[in-house]
Amino acid sequence: MDSKLNKTDIRSLSLEDLKKRFLELGEKAFRANQVYEWLWKKSAFSFDEMSNLSKPLREKLNELFVINAVKAV
């Protein structure tokens, strides 16, 4: 079974939703801003690229989320 099926596409979350998820994970809300910037301004394709996040946080994000490519509609 593909583990991606159980993961949330992090790009599908609004900044406010992302902040809520980070708080639920016991992280500071500003981390959501950092991730959001990586996703939408720096076009990150993996959590490993997010060098201003701790390695344990990047690993946690990798377990819970997937970064799907942006598709033009």
N, C-alpha and C. Protein backbone atom coordinates (compact mmCIF):
# COMPACT_ATOMS: atom_id res chain seq x y z
N MET A 1 0.84 -1.19 0.00
CA MET A 1 0.00 0.00 0.00
C MET A 1 0.87 1.24 0.00
N ASP A 2 0.51 2.21 -0.78
CA ASP A 2 1.28 3.46 -0.89
C ASP A 2 1.06 4.31 0.34
N SER A 3 2.14 4.66 1.04
CA SER A 3 2.02 5.46 2.26
C SER A 3 1.53 6.88 1.98
N LYS A 4 1.64 7.34 0.74
CA LYS A 4 1.16 8.68 0.39
C LYS A 4 -0.36 8.78 0.52
N LEU A 5 -1.05 7.66 0.44
CA LEU A 5 -2.51 7.68 0.53
C LEU A 5 -2.98 8.16 1.90
N ASN A 6 -2.18 7.96 2.93
CA ASN A 6 -2.56 8.34 4.28
C ASN A 6 -2.08 9.75 4.65
N LYS A 7 -1.37 10.38 3.75
CA LYS A 7 -0.79 11.69 4.04
C LYS A 7 -1.64 12.80 3.43
N THR A 8 -1.66 13.93 4.11
CA THR A 8 -2.36 15.12 3.63
C THR A 8 -1.46 15.90 2.69
N ASP A 9 -2.01 16.36 1.59
CA ASP A 9 -1.26 17.24 0.69
C ASP A 9 -1.13 18.59 1.41
N ILE A 10 0.07 18.92 1.83
CA ILE A 10 0.28 20.13 2.62
C ILE A 10 -0.06 21.40 1.83
N ARG A 11 0.04 21.34 0.51
CA ARG A 11 -0.31 22.51 -0.31
C ARG A 11 -1.82 22.77 -0.32
N SER A 12 -2.61 21.78 0.08
CA SER A 12 -4.06 21.96 0.09
C SER A 12 -4.54 22.73 1.33
N LEU A 13 -3.64 22.96 2.28
CA LEU A 13 -4.00 23.67 3.50
C LEU A 13 -3.77 25.17 3.36
N SER A 14 -4.71 25.94 3.88
CA SER A 14 -4.51 27.39 3.93
C SER A 14 -3.48 27.69 5.02
N LEU A 15 -2.98 28.90 5.04
CA LEU A 15 -2.03 29.28 6.07
C LEU A 15 -2.65 29.12 7.45
N GLU A 16 -3.90 29.50 7.60
CA GLU A 16 -4.58 29.36 8.91
C GLU A 16 -4.72 27.89 9.31
N ASP A 17 -5.07 27.02 8.36
CA ASP A 17 -5.16 25.60 8.64
C ASP A 17 -3.79 25.03 9.02
N LEU A 18 -2.78 25.50 8.33
CA LEU A 18 -1.42 25.06 8.61
C LEU A 18 -1.00 25.47 10.03
N LYS A 19 -1.35 26.69 10.42
CA LYS A 19 -1.04 27.15 11.78
C LYS A 19 -1.72 26.27 12.82
N LYS A 20 -2.98 25.93 12.58
CA LYS A 20 -3.72 25.06 13.50
C LYS A 20 -3.06 23.70 13.61
N ARG A 21 -2.65 23.14 12.48
CA ARG A 21 -1.99 21.82 12.49
C ARG A 21 -0.68 21.86 13.25
N PHE A 22 0.08 22.94 13.07
CA PHE A 22 1.35 23.07 13.79
C PHE A 22 1.12 23.16 15.29
N LEU A 23 0.12 23.92 15.70
CA LEU A 23 -0.20 24.02 17.12
C LEU A 23 -0.62 22.67 17.68
N GLU A 24 -1.40 21.90 16.91
CA GLU A 24 -1.80 20.55 17.33
C GLU A 24 -0.60 19.63 17.50
N LEU A 25 0.44 19.88 16.72
CA LEU A 25 1.67 19.08 16.79
C LEU A 25 2.60 19.55 17.91
N GLY A 26 2.20 20.62 18.61
CA GLY A 26 3.03 21.15 19.69
C GLY A 26 4.12 22.08 19.19
N GLU A 27 3.97 22.56 17.96
CA GLU A 27 4.95 23.48 17.38
C GLU A 27 4.43 24.91 17.48
N LYS A 28 5.32 25.87 17.33
CA LYS A 28 4.95 27.28 17.33
C LYS A 28 4.26 27.62 16.00
N ALA A 29 3.29 28.53 16.05
CA ALA A 29 2.53 28.90 14.86
C ALA A 29 3.42 29.51 13.77
N PHE A 30 4.50 30.20 14.15
CA PHE A 30 5.35 30.83 13.13
C PHE A 30 6.00 29.79 12.22
N ARG A 31 6.09 28.54 12.67
CA ARG A 31 6.65 27.49 11.81
C ARG A 31 5.79 27.32 10.55
N ALA A 32 4.48 27.52 10.71
CA ALA A 32 3.58 27.41 9.56
C ALA A 32 3.93 28.46 8.52
N ASN A 33 4.27 29.66 8.97
CA ASN A 33 4.68 30.72 8.03
C ASN A 33 5.93 30.31 7.28
N GLN A 34 6.88 29.70 7.99
CA GLN A 34 8.12 29.27 7.34
C GLN A 34 7.84 28.22 6.27
N VAL A 35 7.03 27.23 6.62
CA VAL A 35 6.71 26.17 5.66
C VAL A 35 5.93 26.73 4.48
N TYR A 36 4.99 27.61 4.76
CA TYR A 36 4.18 28.22 3.71
C TYR A 36 5.07 28.97 2.71
N GLU A 37 6.05 29.68 3.23
CA GLU A 37 6.98 30.40 2.36
C GLU A 37 7.79 29.44 1.51
N TRP A 38 8.24 28.35 2.11
CA TRP A 38 8.98 27.35 1.33
C TRP A 38 8.12 26.77 0.22
N LEU A 39 6.86 26.52 0.51
CA LEU A 39 5.97 25.90 -0.47
C LEU A 39 5.60 26.84 -1.61
N TRP A 40 5.29 28.09 -1.28
CA TRP A 40 4.71 28.99 -2.27
C TRP A 40 5.65 30.05 -2.82
N LYS A 41 6.68 30.42 -2.07
CA LYS A 41 7.63 31.43 -2.57
C LYS A 41 8.92 30.80 -3.09
N LYS A 42 9.34 29.73 -2.44
CA LYS A 42 10.60 29.09 -2.83
C LYS A 42 10.38 27.80 -3.60
N SER A 43 9.13 27.41 -3.78
CA SER A 43 8.75 26.22 -4.57
C SER A 43 9.49 24.95 -4.15
N ALA A 44 9.51 24.70 -2.85
CA ALA A 44 10.17 23.50 -2.34
C ALA A 44 9.40 22.26 -2.78
N PHE A 45 10.14 21.21 -3.11
CA PHE A 45 9.55 19.94 -3.52
C PHE A 45 9.67 18.88 -2.44
N SER A 46 10.45 19.16 -1.39
CA SER A 46 10.59 18.22 -0.29
C SER A 46 10.84 18.98 1.01
N PHE A 47 10.53 18.33 2.11
CA PHE A 47 10.75 18.95 3.42
C PHE A 47 12.24 19.07 3.73
N ASP A 48 13.04 18.21 3.13
CA ASP A 48 14.50 18.26 3.35
C ASP A 48 15.11 19.57 2.89
N GLU A 49 14.47 20.24 1.94
CA GLU A 49 14.97 21.53 1.45
C GLU A 49 14.78 22.65 2.48
N MET A 50 13.89 22.45 3.42
CA MET A 50 13.51 23.50 4.37
C MET A 50 14.55 23.61 5.48
N SER A 51 15.66 24.21 5.14
CA SER A 51 16.84 24.23 6.00
C SER A 51 16.68 25.03 7.29
N ASN A 52 15.66 25.88 7.39
CA ASN A 52 15.48 26.63 8.63
C ASN A 52 14.56 25.90 9.61
N LEU A 53 14.19 24.66 9.29
CA LEU A 53 13.42 23.81 10.20
C LEU A 53 14.35 22.74 10.77
N SER A 54 14.10 22.35 12.00
CA SER A 54 14.94 21.31 12.60
C SER A 54 14.72 19.98 11.87
N LYS A 55 15.73 19.14 11.93
CA LYS A 55 15.62 17.83 11.28
C LYS A 55 14.46 17.01 11.87
N PRO A 56 14.28 16.99 13.20
CA PRO A 56 13.12 16.25 13.73
C PRO A 56 11.77 16.77 13.22
N LEU A 57 11.65 18.08 13.06
CA LEU A 57 10.40 18.64 12.53
C LEU A 57 10.23 18.25 11.07
N ARG A 58 11.29 18.30 10.30
CA ARG A 58 11.20 17.90 8.89
C ARG A 58 10.79 16.43 8.78
N GLU A 59 11.32 15.59 9.65
CA GLU A 59 10.96 14.17 9.65
C GLU A 59 9.49 13.98 10.01
N LYS A 60 9.01 14.75 10.99
CA LYS A 60 7.61 14.68 11.40
C LYS A 60 6.70 15.11 10.25
N LEU A 61 7.08 16.19 9.56
CA LEU A 61 6.29 16.66 8.42
C LEU A 61 6.27 15.61 7.31
N ASN A 62 7.38 14.96 7.11
CA ASN A 62 7.49 13.92 6.08
C ASN A 62 6.56 12.74 6.39
N GLU A 63 6.37 12.44 7.68
CA GLU A 63 5.50 11.35 8.08
C GLU A 63 4.03 11.68 7.87
N LEU A 64 3.68 12.96 8.04
CA LEU A 64 2.26 13.36 8.04
C LEU A 64 1.77 13.94 6.73
N PHE A 65 2.67 14.52 5.95
CA PHE A 65 2.26 15.27 4.76
C PHE A 65 3.03 14.84 3.53
N VAL A 66 2.45 15.17 2.39
CA VAL A 66 3.11 15.01 1.11
C VAL A 66 3.06 16.37 0.41
N ILE A 67 4.06 16.65 -0.40
CA ILE A 67 4.07 17.89 -1.18
C ILE A 67 3.78 17.49 -2.62
N ASN A 68 2.55 17.70 -3.04
CA ASN A 68 2.18 17.40 -4.43
C ASN A 68 2.56 18.59 -5.31
N ALA A 69 2.86 18.28 -6.54
CA ALA A 69 3.19 19.33 -7.50
C ALA A 69 1.98 20.22 -7.75
N VAL A 70 2.24 21.47 -8.03
CA VAL A 70 1.17 22.41 -8.36
C VAL A 70 0.75 22.15 -9.80
N LYS A 71 -0.58 22.13 -10.01
CA LYS A 71 -1.11 21.89 -11.37
C LYS A 71 -1.85 23.13 -11.82
N ALA A 72 -1.62 23.53 -13.04
CA ALA A 72 -2.37 24.65 -13.62
C ALA A 72 -3.78 24.20 -13.93
N VAL A 73 -4.74 25.02 -13.59
CA VAL A 73 -6.14 24.65 -13.82
C VAL A 73 -6.70 25.43 -14.99
